[in-house]
């Protein structure tokens, strides 16, 4: 079954290792195959990975898009270790991400990493108000 992707004018997405940018009209695409796909709203650029949990997301994203995710494992596990040591309350989120990675569900791991970022945002807001 084909994946249906609807794009807004000017919206971009990643298909495999290519960035596809839409012109000024709305479009619907049907994509068949198993290439990784990320919509613009789900893409985190390296320059925007300015917190530890965003760096976790960035590395999961890199693993998802890579034909072979193994080169990213060492850095990923180091950052996960650092996050867990600094904020042990993140462990349920990290465990959920790791579980998805271990079962090869990389897109679902990205969704779990998004939850980690939201949790981190809450932690940082609490620090600012304290």
N, C-alpha and C. Protein backbone atom coordinates (compact mmCIF):
# COMPACT_ATOMS: atom_id res chain seq x y z
N UNK A 1 0.83 -1.18 0.00
CA UNK A 1 0.00 0.00 0.00
C UNK A 1 0.88 1.25 0.00
N UNK A 2 0.56 2.19 -0.85
CA UNK A 2 1.35 3.40 -0.99
C UNK A 2 1.11 4.36 0.16
N UNK A 3 2.16 5.09 0.53
CA UNK A 3 2.06 6.14 1.52
C UNK A 3 1.58 7.40 0.82
N UNK A 4 0.54 8.03 1.35
CA UNK A 4 0.03 9.27 0.77
C UNK A 4 0.62 10.44 1.53
N UNK A 5 1.27 11.34 0.81
CA UNK A 5 1.86 12.53 1.41
C UNK A 5 1.24 13.75 0.75
N UNK A 6 0.62 14.60 1.55
CA UNK A 6 0.07 15.85 1.03
C UNK A 6 0.99 16.98 1.44
N UNK A 7 1.40 17.77 0.46
CA UNK A 7 2.35 18.85 0.71
C UNK A 7 1.69 20.20 0.51
N UNK A 8 1.98 21.10 1.43
CA UNK A 8 1.54 22.48 1.32
C UNK A 8 2.49 23.20 0.37
N UNK A 9 2.07 24.33 -0.17
CA UNK A 9 2.98 25.10 -1.03
C UNK A 9 4.29 25.41 -0.33
N UNK A 10 5.40 25.14 -0.99
CA UNK A 10 6.73 25.42 -0.45
C UNK A 10 7.24 24.43 0.57
N UNK A 11 6.44 23.43 0.95
CA UNK A 11 6.86 22.46 1.97
C UNK A 11 7.90 21.51 1.40
N UNK A 12 8.80 21.06 2.26
CA UNK A 12 9.86 20.12 1.88
C UNK A 12 9.69 18.82 2.65
N UNK A 13 10.31 17.78 2.14
CA UNK A 13 10.42 16.54 2.88
C UNK A 13 11.65 15.80 2.40
N UNK A 14 12.10 14.87 3.22
CA UNK A 14 13.27 14.05 2.87
C UNK A 14 12.75 12.70 2.43
N UNK A 15 13.25 12.25 1.31
CA UNK A 15 12.95 10.92 0.78
C UNK A 15 14.29 10.24 0.56
N UNK A 16 14.60 9.27 1.42
CA UNK A 16 15.92 8.64 1.35
C UNK A 16 16.97 9.66 1.71
N UNK A 17 17.89 9.92 0.78
CA UNK A 17 18.92 10.92 1.06
C UNK A 17 18.72 12.16 0.19
N UNK A 18 17.50 12.38 -0.27
CA UNK A 18 17.18 13.54 -1.10
C UNK A 18 16.16 14.44 -0.40
N UNK A 19 16.33 15.74 -0.58
CA UNK A 19 15.36 16.71 -0.09
C UNK A 19 14.49 17.12 -1.27
N UNK A 20 13.18 17.01 -1.09
CA UNK A 20 12.24 17.36 -2.14
C UNK A 20 11.45 18.57 -1.64
N UNK A 21 11.42 19.62 -2.46
CA UNK A 21 10.73 20.85 -2.09
C UNK A 21 9.61 21.10 -3.08
N UNK A 22 8.48 21.41 -2.56
CA UNK A 22 7.28 21.65 -3.35
C UNK A 22 7.28 23.07 -3.88
N UNK A 23 6.64 23.30 -5.04
CA UNK A 23 6.52 24.65 -5.57
C UNK A 23 5.35 25.37 -4.88
N UNK A 24 4.69 26.27 -5.55
CA UNK A 24 3.68 27.09 -4.90
C UNK A 24 2.26 26.53 -4.94
N UNK A 25 2.11 25.26 -5.30
CA UNK A 25 0.78 24.64 -5.33
C UNK A 25 0.75 23.45 -4.38
N UNK A 26 -0.45 23.19 -3.85
CA UNK A 26 -0.65 22.03 -2.99
C UNK A 26 -0.57 20.77 -3.86
N UNK A 27 0.02 19.70 -3.32
CA UNK A 27 0.21 18.47 -4.08
C UNK A 27 -0.01 17.26 -3.21
N UNK A 28 -0.47 16.19 -3.82
CA UNK A 28 -0.60 14.91 -3.14
C UNK A 28 0.27 13.91 -3.91
N UNK A 29 1.14 13.23 -3.16
CA UNK A 29 2.03 12.22 -3.74
C UNK A 29 1.69 10.86 -3.15
N UNK A 30 1.85 9.83 -3.93
CA UNK A 30 1.73 8.46 -3.45
C UNK A 30 3.08 7.81 -3.63
N UNK A 31 3.66 7.35 -2.54
CA UNK A 31 5.02 6.82 -2.55
C UNK A 31 4.98 5.35 -2.16
N UNK A 32 5.54 4.52 -3.01
CA UNK A 32 5.65 3.09 -2.69
C UNK A 32 7.13 2.76 -2.54
N UNK A 33 7.42 1.87 -1.63
CA UNK A 33 8.80 1.47 -1.38
C UNK A 33 9.12 1.63 0.09
N UNK A 34 10.37 1.41 0.43
CA UNK A 34 10.75 1.45 1.84
C UNK A 34 11.81 2.49 2.16
N UNK A 35 11.94 3.51 1.34
CA UNK A 35 12.89 4.58 1.63
C UNK A 35 12.38 5.39 2.81
N UNK A 36 13.27 5.84 3.69
CA UNK A 36 12.83 6.66 4.81
C UNK A 36 12.29 8.00 4.31
N UNK A 37 11.21 8.45 4.95
CA UNK A 37 10.56 9.70 4.58
C UNK A 37 10.37 10.52 5.84
N UNK A 38 10.74 11.80 5.77
CA UNK A 38 10.51 12.72 6.88
C UNK A 38 9.93 14.02 6.34
N UNK A 39 8.79 14.40 6.87
CA UNK A 39 8.19 15.69 6.50
C UNK A 39 8.97 16.82 7.16
N UNK A 40 8.86 17.98 6.58
CA UNK A 40 9.60 19.15 7.07
C UNK A 40 9.37 19.39 8.57
N UNK A 41 8.15 19.22 9.04
CA UNK A 41 7.85 19.47 10.46
C UNK A 41 8.56 18.49 11.39
N UNK A 42 9.00 17.35 10.87
CA UNK A 42 9.68 16.35 11.69
C UNK A 42 11.20 16.40 11.57
N UNK A 43 11.70 17.26 10.69
CA UNK A 43 13.14 17.35 10.45
C UNK A 43 13.77 18.30 11.46
N UNK A 44 14.80 17.83 12.13
CA UNK A 44 15.57 18.67 13.04
C UNK A 44 16.94 18.89 12.40
N UNK A 45 17.27 20.13 12.17
CA UNK A 45 18.58 20.46 11.61
C UNK A 45 19.62 20.47 12.73
N UNK A 46 20.86 20.14 12.40
CA UNK A 46 21.92 20.05 13.40
C UNK A 46 22.05 21.36 14.17
N UNK A 47 21.92 22.50 13.49
CA UNK A 47 22.06 23.79 14.15
C UNK A 47 20.96 24.03 15.19
N UNK A 48 19.84 23.34 15.05
CA UNK A 48 18.73 23.51 15.99
C UNK A 48 18.75 22.50 17.13
N UNK A 49 19.69 21.58 17.12
CA UNK A 49 19.81 20.58 18.19
C UNK A 49 20.61 21.19 19.33
N UNK A 50 19.98 22.14 20.04
CA UNK A 50 20.66 22.95 21.04
C UNK A 50 20.43 22.51 22.48
N UNK A 51 19.84 21.33 22.66
CA UNK A 51 19.68 20.77 24.00
C UNK A 51 20.07 19.28 23.93
N UNK A 52 20.36 18.67 25.06
CA UNK A 52 20.73 17.24 25.03
C UNK A 52 19.65 16.35 24.41
N UNK A 53 18.39 16.59 24.74
CA UNK A 53 17.33 15.72 24.21
C UNK A 53 17.09 15.95 22.72
N UNK A 54 17.32 17.17 22.27
CA UNK A 54 17.24 17.42 20.83
C UNK A 54 18.37 16.71 20.11
N UNK A 55 19.53 16.60 20.75
CA UNK A 55 20.64 15.85 20.15
C UNK A 55 20.30 14.36 20.07
N UNK A 56 19.58 13.85 21.06
CA UNK A 56 19.10 12.46 20.98
C UNK A 56 18.21 12.31 19.77
N UNK A 57 17.27 13.22 19.59
CA UNK A 57 16.36 13.18 18.43
C UNK A 57 17.16 13.24 17.13
N UNK A 58 18.12 14.16 17.07
CA UNK A 58 18.93 14.31 15.85
C UNK A 58 19.64 13.01 15.51
N UNK A 59 20.19 12.34 16.50
CA UNK A 59 20.89 11.08 16.22
C UNK A 59 19.93 9.98 15.81
N UNK A 60 18.75 9.93 16.40
CA UNK A 60 17.75 8.95 15.95
C UNK A 60 17.35 9.26 14.51
N UNK A 61 17.19 10.54 14.20
CA UNK A 61 16.88 10.95 12.83
C UNK A 61 17.98 10.50 11.87
N UNK A 62 19.22 10.70 12.26
CA UNK A 62 20.35 10.29 11.40
C UNK A 62 20.36 8.78 11.20
N UNK A 63 20.05 8.03 12.26
CA UNK A 63 19.99 6.56 12.13
C UNK A 63 18.85 6.16 11.20
N UNK A 64 17.71 6.83 11.34
CA UNK A 64 16.54 6.53 10.51
C UNK A 64 16.84 6.77 9.03
N UNK A 65 17.54 7.85 8.73
CA UNK A 65 17.80 8.20 7.33
C UNK A 65 18.98 7.46 6.72
N UNK A 66 19.84 6.90 7.55
CA UNK A 66 21.06 6.25 7.06
C UNK A 66 20.76 4.84 6.54
N UNK A 67 21.42 4.47 5.45
CA UNK A 67 21.28 3.07 4.99
C UNK A 67 21.79 2.08 6.04
N UNK A 68 22.82 2.50 6.78
CA UNK A 68 23.36 1.69 7.87
C UNK A 68 23.47 2.57 9.11
N UNK A 69 22.62 2.35 10.10
CA UNK A 69 22.61 3.24 11.28
C UNK A 69 23.79 3.03 12.24
N UNK A 70 24.53 1.94 12.08
CA UNK A 70 25.57 1.61 13.06
C UNK A 70 26.62 2.69 13.29
N UNK A 71 27.04 3.45 12.27
CA UNK A 71 28.04 4.49 12.55
C UNK A 71 27.58 5.55 13.56
N UNK A 72 26.29 5.67 13.78
CA UNK A 72 25.76 6.67 14.71
C UNK A 72 25.54 6.12 16.12
N UNK A 73 25.66 4.80 16.28
CA UNK A 73 25.35 4.18 17.56
C UNK A 73 26.23 4.67 18.71
N UNK A 74 27.52 4.76 18.50
CA UNK A 74 28.42 5.14 19.59
C UNK A 74 28.06 6.52 20.14
N UNK A 75 27.88 7.49 19.26
CA UNK A 75 27.54 8.84 19.70
C UNK A 75 26.15 8.86 20.35
N UNK A 76 25.20 8.12 19.77
CA UNK A 76 23.86 8.06 20.32
C UNK A 76 23.89 7.53 21.75
N UNK A 77 24.55 6.41 21.97
CA UNK A 77 24.55 5.81 23.30
C UNK A 77 25.31 6.67 24.31
N UNK A 78 26.31 7.42 23.86
CA UNK A 78 27.01 8.32 24.77
C UNK A 78 26.10 9.47 25.21
N UNK A 79 25.37 10.03 24.26
CA UNK A 79 24.45 11.13 24.61
C UNK A 79 23.32 10.62 25.50
N UNK A 80 22.79 9.44 25.19
CA UNK A 80 21.73 8.85 26.03
C UNK A 80 22.25 8.65 27.45
N UNK A 81 23.46 8.16 27.59
CA UNK A 81 24.07 7.97 28.92
C UNK A 81 24.18 9.30 29.65
N UNK A 82 24.65 10.33 28.95
CA UNK A 82 24.79 11.66 29.56
C UNK A 82 23.44 12.21 30.01
N UNK A 83 22.41 12.06 29.17
CA UNK A 83 21.07 12.54 29.52
C UNK A 83 20.54 11.80 30.73
N UNK A 84 20.69 10.49 30.74
CA UNK A 84 20.18 9.67 31.85
C UNK A 84 20.88 10.02 33.16
N UNK A 85 22.17 10.31 33.11
CA UNK A 85 22.91 10.68 34.32
C UNK A 85 22.50 12.06 34.81
N UNK A 86 22.29 12.99 33.89
CA UNK A 86 21.93 14.36 34.27
C UNK A 86 20.48 14.46 34.73
N UNK A 87 19.61 13.66 34.12
CA UNK A 87 18.18 13.72 34.45
C UNK A 87 17.61 12.31 34.47
N UNK A 88 17.77 11.59 35.58
CA UNK A 88 17.30 10.21 35.66
C UNK A 88 15.80 10.04 35.36
N UNK A 89 15.03 11.09 35.53
CA UNK A 89 13.59 11.00 35.25
C UNK A 89 13.29 10.84 33.76
N UNK A 90 14.30 10.97 32.91
CA UNK A 90 14.11 10.77 31.46
C UNK A 90 14.18 9.29 31.07
N UNK A 91 14.55 8.44 32.00
CA UNK A 91 14.76 7.02 31.66
C UNK A 91 13.56 6.35 30.98
N UNK A 92 12.32 6.57 31.41
CA UNK A 92 11.21 5.93 30.70
C UNK A 92 11.15 6.34 29.21
N UNK A 93 11.47 7.59 28.94
CA UNK A 93 11.47 8.07 27.55
C UNK A 93 12.63 7.44 26.77
N UNK A 94 13.79 7.40 27.39
CA UNK A 94 14.95 6.80 26.73
C UNK A 94 14.74 5.31 26.49
N UNK A 95 14.13 4.63 27.47
CA UNK A 95 13.84 3.20 27.31
C UNK A 95 12.88 2.96 26.14
N UNK A 96 11.89 3.83 26.01
CA UNK A 96 10.93 3.69 24.91
C UNK A 96 11.62 3.89 23.56
N UNK A 97 12.50 4.87 23.48
CA UNK A 97 13.26 5.11 22.23
C UNK A 97 14.12 3.90 21.92
N UNK A 98 14.88 3.45 22.92
CA UNK A 98 15.78 2.30 22.71
C UNK A 98 15.01 1.06 22.29
N UNK A 99 13.85 0.84 22.87
CA UNK A 99 13.03 -0.32 22.51
C UNK A 99 12.65 -0.29 21.03
N UNK A 100 12.27 0.88 20.55
CA UNK A 100 11.89 1.02 19.13
C UNK A 100 13.11 0.83 18.23
N UNK A 101 14.24 1.35 18.65
CA UNK A 101 15.46 1.17 17.85
C UNK A 101 15.83 -0.30 17.77
N UNK A 102 15.77 -1.00 18.90
CA UNK A 102 16.15 -2.41 18.93
C UNK A 102 15.23 -3.29 18.08
N UNK A 103 13.98 -2.87 17.92
CA UNK A 103 13.05 -3.65 17.10
C UNK A 103 13.00 -3.14 15.65
N UNK A 104 13.88 -2.18 15.32
CA UNK A 104 13.97 -1.69 13.95
C UNK A 104 12.86 -0.72 13.57
N UNK A 105 12.14 -0.21 14.55
CA UNK A 105 11.05 0.73 14.28
C UNK A 105 11.57 2.15 14.44
N UNK A 106 12.40 2.58 13.50
CA UNK A 106 13.10 3.85 13.63
C UNK A 106 12.16 5.05 13.58
N UNK A 107 11.13 5.00 12.75
CA UNK A 107 10.21 6.13 12.69
C UNK A 107 9.47 6.27 14.03
N UNK A 108 9.10 5.15 14.61
CA UNK A 108 8.43 5.19 15.92
C UNK A 108 9.41 5.66 17.01
N UNK A 109 10.69 5.35 16.85
CA UNK A 109 11.70 5.85 17.78
C UNK A 109 11.77 7.37 17.70
N UNK A 110 11.62 7.93 16.50
CA UNK A 110 11.58 9.38 16.34
C UNK A 110 10.38 9.98 17.09
N UNK A 111 9.25 9.32 16.99
CA UNK A 111 8.06 9.81 17.70
C UNK A 111 8.29 9.80 19.21
N UNK A 112 8.94 8.75 19.70
CA UNK A 112 9.26 8.68 21.13
C UNK A 112 10.27 9.76 21.51
N UNK A 113 11.21 10.04 20.63
CA UNK A 113 12.20 11.08 20.90
C UNK A 113 11.54 12.46 20.93
N UNK A 114 10.49 12.64 20.16
CA UNK A 114 9.74 13.90 20.20
C UNK A 114 9.12 14.08 21.59
N UNK A 115 8.63 12.99 22.18
CA UNK A 115 8.07 13.04 23.54
C UNK A 115 9.15 13.43 24.55
N UNK A 116 10.36 12.91 24.33
CA UNK A 116 11.48 13.25 25.21
C UNK A 116 11.77 14.75 25.16
N UNK A 117 11.74 15.32 23.97
CA UNK A 117 11.98 16.76 23.82
C UNK A 117 10.91 17.56 24.57
N UNK A 118 9.67 17.12 24.46
CA UNK A 118 8.59 17.81 25.17
C UNK A 118 8.79 17.72 26.69
N UNK A 119 9.21 16.56 27.15
CA UNK A 119 9.47 16.39 28.58
C UNK A 119 10.61 17.32 29.02
N UNK A 120 11.66 17.36 28.22
CA UNK A 120 12.80 18.23 28.51
C UNK A 120 12.35 19.69 28.56
N UNK A 121 11.49 20.08 27.62
CA UNK A 121 11.00 21.46 27.60
C UNK A 121 10.31 21.79 28.94
N UNK A 122 9.52 20.86 29.44
CA UNK A 122 8.87 21.06 30.73
C UNK A 122 9.87 21.20 31.86
N UNK A 123 10.90 20.35 31.84
CA UNK A 123 11.93 20.44 32.88
C UNK A 123 12.63 21.79 32.84
N UNK A 124 12.97 22.25 31.64
CA UNK A 124 13.68 23.52 31.50
C UNK A 124 12.79 24.70 31.91
N UNK A 125 11.50 24.62 31.62
CA UNK A 125 10.59 25.69 32.04
C UNK A 125 10.49 25.75 33.56
N UNK A 126 10.50 24.58 34.21
CA UNK A 126 10.45 24.56 35.68
C UNK A 126 11.70 25.16 36.28
N UNK A 127 12.84 24.96 35.64
CA UNK A 127 14.10 25.53 36.14
C UNK A 127 14.06 27.05 36.00
N UNK A 128 13.52 27.55 34.90
CA UNK A 128 13.47 29.00 34.67
C UNK A 128 12.56 29.70 35.66
N UNK A 129 11.48 29.04 36.07
CA UNK A 129 10.53 29.67 37.00
C UNK A 129 10.92 29.50 38.46
N UNK A 130 11.89 28.66 38.72
CA UNK A 130 12.28 28.42 40.11
C UNK A 130 13.25 29.46 40.61
